[in-house]
Amino acid sequence: MSELVKKTAEYVKKKLTGEPTGHDWYHAQRVWKMSKRLQAEEGGDLQLIELASLFHDLGDNNLYEFDNQKGFFVLHGMMDVLEIDEDLQDKIIKIADELTYRGDATKSASSLEGKIVQDADWLESLGAIGIARIFSTGGRIKRMLYDPEIHARPKFTAKDYRYKKVEGTSLNYFYEKSFKLVAIMNTKTAKHIAEKRAKYLENFIAEFLDEWKCER
């Protein structure tokens, strides 16, 4: 681990420890670890991948009134504190911007490094961790757990994803986002992991619905 990555990890941990939205230090740490795992199989600039994975949520526009420019201005300031050179800052900002899920308007990142960090972040919406994070977020934004009369939305525009997460139910959200991610994973390694996690999610939903109907 380079000294810069070490300093960045310490800085990000201080910034995100105790953050309540599911984008806390442990989320950043998992994305960082998964990014390194994917890089070992897929290649790419390891230092850029590590830095981008650590910083990926610190400029999140959800924290800055959905204003990308404001979020990235703050992120630039944080990177200035760590004396990261301007060229590297621009690459990190680009990766952070491109990895964002935007409903059916989501696009693959333009660089291998971006694809790897994007995959690592998307994997957080699948499997046991994905289940925990989505229900936790649902409670925070006061979204219903489940209602059999409300069906998953087949189309989810970027505007819907940003402003209408509270509508619908948390269980439907697995169909509106999580399962869709499997098909758009960028790397072979991530797709394999995603398929396994999606299977776990399918089994969980089947159990959930059986219990809901009092059949178990």
Protein backbone atom coordinates (compact mmCIF):
# COMPACT_ATOMS: atom_id res chain seq x y z
CA MET A 1 0.00 0.00 0.00
CA SER A 2 1.41 3.40 -0.98
CA GLU A 3 1.78 6.14 1.62
CA LEU A 4 -0.81 8.23 -0.26
CA VAL A 5 -3.38 5.43 -0.18
CA LYS A 6 -2.70 4.89 3.53
CA LYS A 7 -3.20 8.59 4.31
CA THR A 8 -6.35 8.67 2.18
CA ALA A 9 -7.84 5.65 3.97
CA GLU A 10 -7.20 7.28 7.35
CA TYR A 11 -8.77 10.53 6.15
CA VAL A 12 -11.84 8.85 4.65
CA LYS A 13 -12.35 6.77 7.79
CA LYS A 14 -12.48 9.94 9.89
CA LYS A 15 -14.94 11.54 7.48
CA LEU A 16 -17.32 8.60 7.19
CA THR A 17 -17.26 6.84 10.57
CA GLY A 18 -20.79 6.88 11.98
CA GLU A 19 -22.36 8.10 8.72
CA PRO A 20 -25.99 6.86 8.90
CA THR A 21 -27.11 6.48 5.27
CA GLY A 22 -25.39 3.19 4.44
CA HIS A 23 -22.47 5.02 2.79
CA ASP A 24 -20.30 4.82 5.90
CA TRP A 25 -16.62 3.96 6.33
CA TYR A 26 -17.32 0.21 6.23
CA HIS A 27 -19.05 0.58 2.88
CA ALA A 28 -16.06 2.52 1.52
CA GLN A 29 -13.72 -0.08 2.98
CA ARG A 30 -15.61 -2.95 1.33
CA VAL A 31 -15.63 -1.17 -2.03
CA TRP A 32 -11.90 -0.57 -1.61
CA LYS A 33 -11.23 -4.25 -0.81
CA MET A 34 -13.44 -5.49 -3.63
CA SER A 35 -11.80 -3.08 -6.08
CA LYS A 36 -8.40 -4.51 -5.19
CA ARG A 37 -9.76 -8.04 -5.64
CA LEU A 38 -11.13 -7.17 -9.07
CA GLN A 39 -7.94 -5.35 -10.08
CA ALA A 40 -5.88 -8.46 -9.27
CA GLU A 41 -7.90 -10.32 -11.92
CA GLU A 42 -8.67 -7.58 -14.43
CA GLY A 43 -5.63 -5.24 -14.28
CA GLY A 44 -5.60 -1.45 -14.29
CA ASP A 45 -3.79 1.26 -12.33
CA LEU A 46 -3.95 -0.01 -8.74
CA GLN A 47 -3.27 3.31 -7.02
CA LEU A 48 -5.94 5.13 -9.03
CA ILE A 49 -8.41 2.33 -8.32
CA GLU A 50 -7.66 2.42 -4.59
CA LEU A 51 -7.98 6.19 -4.33
CA ALA A 52 -11.15 6.35 -6.40
CA SER A 53 -12.78 3.55 -4.41
CA LEU A 54 -11.98 5.29 -1.13
CA PHE A 55 -13.23 8.69 -2.33
CA HIS A 56 -16.18 7.52 -4.42
CA ASP A 57 -18.94 8.65 -2.01
CA LEU A 58 -17.39 11.78 -0.51
CA GLY A 59 -18.64 13.97 -3.37
CA ASP A 60 -22.02 12.22 -3.59
CA ASN A 61 -24.57 14.76 -4.82
CA ASN A 62 -27.13 13.30 -2.40
CA LEU A 63 -25.16 15.04 0.33
CA TYR A 64 -25.12 18.36 -1.54
CA GLU A 65 -28.71 18.97 -2.66
CA PHE A 66 -28.24 16.79 -5.76
CA ASP A 67 -25.68 19.28 -7.06
CA ASN A 68 -22.76 17.49 -8.76
CA GLN A 69 -20.69 20.65 -9.05
CA LYS A 70 -21.02 21.40 -5.36
CA GLY A 71 -20.19 17.82 -4.40
CA PHE A 72 -17.13 17.64 -6.62
CA PHE A 73 -15.93 21.06 -5.43
CA VAL A 74 -15.97 19.72 -1.88
CA LEU A 75 -14.21 16.54 -3.01
CA HIS A 76 -11.50 18.56 -4.75
CA GLY A 77 -10.93 20.41 -1.48
CA MET A 78 -10.55 17.14 0.40
CA MET A 79 -8.00 15.89 -2.11
CA ASP A 80 -6.12 19.20 -1.87
CA VAL A 81 -5.74 18.54 1.86
CA LEU A 82 -4.04 15.25 1.00
CA GLU A 83 -1.85 16.99 -1.64
CA ILE A 84 -3.10 14.82 -4.50
CA ASP A 85 -1.94 16.29 -7.79
CA GLU A 86 -4.50 17.91 -10.07
CA ASP A 87 -4.29 15.35 -12.88
CA LEU A 88 -4.97 12.50 -10.48
CA GLN A 89 -7.80 14.45 -8.87
CA ASP A 90 -9.48 14.85 -12.27
CA LYS A 91 -9.26 11.09 -12.90
CA ILE A 92 -10.77 10.33 -9.49
CA ILE A 93 -13.61 12.82 -10.06
CA LYS A 94 -14.36 11.27 -13.44
CA ILE A 95 -14.56 7.79 -11.94
CA ALA A 96 -16.78 9.00 -9.08
CA ASP A 97 -19.13 10.71 -11.54
CA GLU A 98 -19.34 7.81 -13.98
CA LEU A 99 -19.95 5.07 -11.42
CA THR A 100 -23.27 6.60 -10.32
CA TYR A 101 -26.33 4.43 -10.91
CA ARG A 102 -28.91 6.42 -12.89
CA GLY A 103 -31.73 3.96 -13.39
CA ASP A 104 -32.23 2.85 -16.98
CA ALA A 105 -29.96 5.70 -18.12
CA THR A 106 -26.94 4.13 -16.38
CA LYS A 107 -23.82 3.85 -18.51
CA SER A 108 -20.63 1.86 -18.13
CA ALA A 109 -17.58 3.80 -16.96
CA SER A 110 -15.19 4.85 -19.72
CA SER A 111 -11.93 3.51 -18.22
CA LEU A 112 -10.93 0.09 -16.91
CA GLU A 113 -10.26 1.66 -13.52
CA GLY A 114 -13.71 3.23 -13.53
CA LYS A 115 -15.34 -0.04 -14.53
CA ILE A 116 -13.66 -1.84 -11.64
CA VAL A 117 -14.72 0.72 -9.00
CA GLN A 118 -18.22 0.85 -10.52
CA ASP A 119 -18.52 -2.95 -10.27
CA ALA A 120 -17.23 -2.98 -6.69
CA ASP A 121 -19.80 -0.36 -5.69
CA TRP A 122 -22.65 -2.10 -7.52
CA LEU A 123 -21.88 -5.41 -5.81
CA GLU A 124 -22.89 -3.70 -2.56
CA SER A 125 -26.52 -3.84 -3.74
CA LEU A 126 -26.51 -7.64 -3.97
CA GLY A 127 -26.22 -10.51 -1.51
CA ALA A 128 -26.61 -10.29 2.26
CA ILE A 129 -25.01 -6.84 2.50
CA GLY A 130 -27.27 -5.55 -0.26
CA ILE A 131 -30.35 -6.79 1.58
CA ALA A 132 -29.26 -5.11 4.81
CA ARG A 133 -28.38 -1.81 3.14
CA ILE A 134 -31.58 -1.55 1.09
CA PHE A 135 -33.88 -2.24 4.04
CA SER A 136 -31.84 0.12 6.20
CA THR A 137 -32.13 2.87 3.60
CA GLY A 138 -35.82 2.13 3.21
CA GLY A 139 -36.38 2.75 6.89
CA ARG A 140 -34.35 5.95 6.82
CA ILE A 141 -36.32 7.45 3.92
CA LYS A 142 -39.64 6.08 5.27
CA ARG A 143 -40.22 3.72 2.35
CA MET A 144 -42.64 0.83 2.93
CA LEU A 145 -41.19 -2.60 3.58
CA TYR A 146 -43.57 -4.41 1.22
CA ASP A 147 -47.10 -4.13 -0.12
CA PRO A 148 -48.42 -6.87 -2.45
CA GLU A 149 -50.69 -4.29 -4.12
CA ILE A 150 -47.69 -2.21 -5.24
CA HIS A 151 -45.72 -3.65 -8.15
CA ALA A 152 -42.11 -3.04 -9.12
CA ARG A 153 -41.63 -0.32 -11.70
CA PRO A 154 -40.31 -1.89 -14.94
CA LYS A 155 -38.71 1.40 -16.00
CA PHE A 156 -36.70 3.58 -13.66
CA THR A 157 -35.53 6.88 -15.15
CA ALA A 158 -32.62 8.87 -13.74
CA LYS A 159 -35.13 11.39 -12.34
CA ASP A 160 -37.21 8.62 -10.75
CA TYR A 161 -34.12 7.08 -9.18
CA ARG A 162 -33.06 10.40 -7.71
CA TYR A 163 -36.39 11.72 -6.45
CA LYS A 164 -38.81 8.79 -6.16
CA LYS A 165 -36.95 6.18 -4.13
CA VAL A 166 -39.45 6.71 -1.34
CA GLU A 167 -42.28 5.56 -3.59
CA GLY A 168 -42.86 1.86 -3.99
CA THR A 169 -41.43 -0.64 -1.50
CA SER A 170 -38.02 -1.83 -0.38
CA LEU A 171 -38.71 -5.37 -1.60
CA ASN A 172 -39.60 -4.05 -5.06
CA TYR A 173 -36.35 -2.10 -5.07
CA PHE A 174 -34.46 -5.36 -5.55
CA TYR A 175 -36.22 -5.66 -8.92
CA GLU A 176 -35.95 -1.97 -9.73
CA LYS A 177 -32.18 -1.90 -9.19
CA SER A 178 -30.33 -4.87 -7.67
CA PHE A 179 -31.19 -7.60 -10.17
CA LYS A 180 -30.63 -5.21 -13.08
CA LEU A 181 -27.03 -4.71 -11.98
CA VAL A 182 -26.09 -8.33 -12.72
CA ALA A 183 -26.56 -7.83 -16.46
CA ILE A 184 -24.55 -4.61 -16.62
CA MET A 185 -21.50 -5.58 -14.57
CA ASN A 186 -18.42 -4.54 -16.51
CA THR A 187 -15.91 -7.24 -15.67
CA LYS A 188 -16.02 -11.01 -15.88
CA THR A 189 -14.89 -11.35 -12.27
CA ALA A 190 -17.61 -9.03 -10.94
CA LYS A 191 -20.31 -10.69 -13.05
CA HIS A 192 -19.44 -14.07 -11.54
CA ILE A 193 -19.66 -12.66 -8.00
CA ALA A 194 -22.89 -10.81 -8.86
CA GLU A 195 -24.56 -13.97 -10.16
CA LYS A 196 -23.82 -15.78 -6.89
CA ARG A 197 -25.09 -12.88 -4.80
CA ALA A 198 -28.22 -12.54 -6.95
CA LYS A 199 -29.01 -16.21 -6.32
CA TYR A 200 -28.77 -15.57 -2.57
CA LEU A 201 -31.12 -12.61 -3.02
CA GLU A 202 -33.61 -14.74 -4.98
CA ASN A 203 -33.67 -17.30 -2.17
CA PHE A 204 -34.18 -14.57 0.41
CA ILE A 205 -37.14 -13.08 -1.50
CA ALA A 206 -38.74 -16.51 -1.88
CA GLU A 207 -38.44 -17.08 1.89
CA PHE A 208 -39.70 -13.56 2.61
CA LEU A 209 -42.82 -14.04 0.49
CA ASP A 210 -43.54 -17.49 1.98
CA GLU A 211 -43.35 -16.01 5.47
CA TRP A 212 -45.45 -13.02 4.38
CA LYS A 213 -48.20 -15.41 3.27
CA CYS A 214 -47.74 -17.44 6.47
CA GLU A 215 -46.77 -20.50 4.46
CA ARG A 216 -43.68 -21.11 6.61
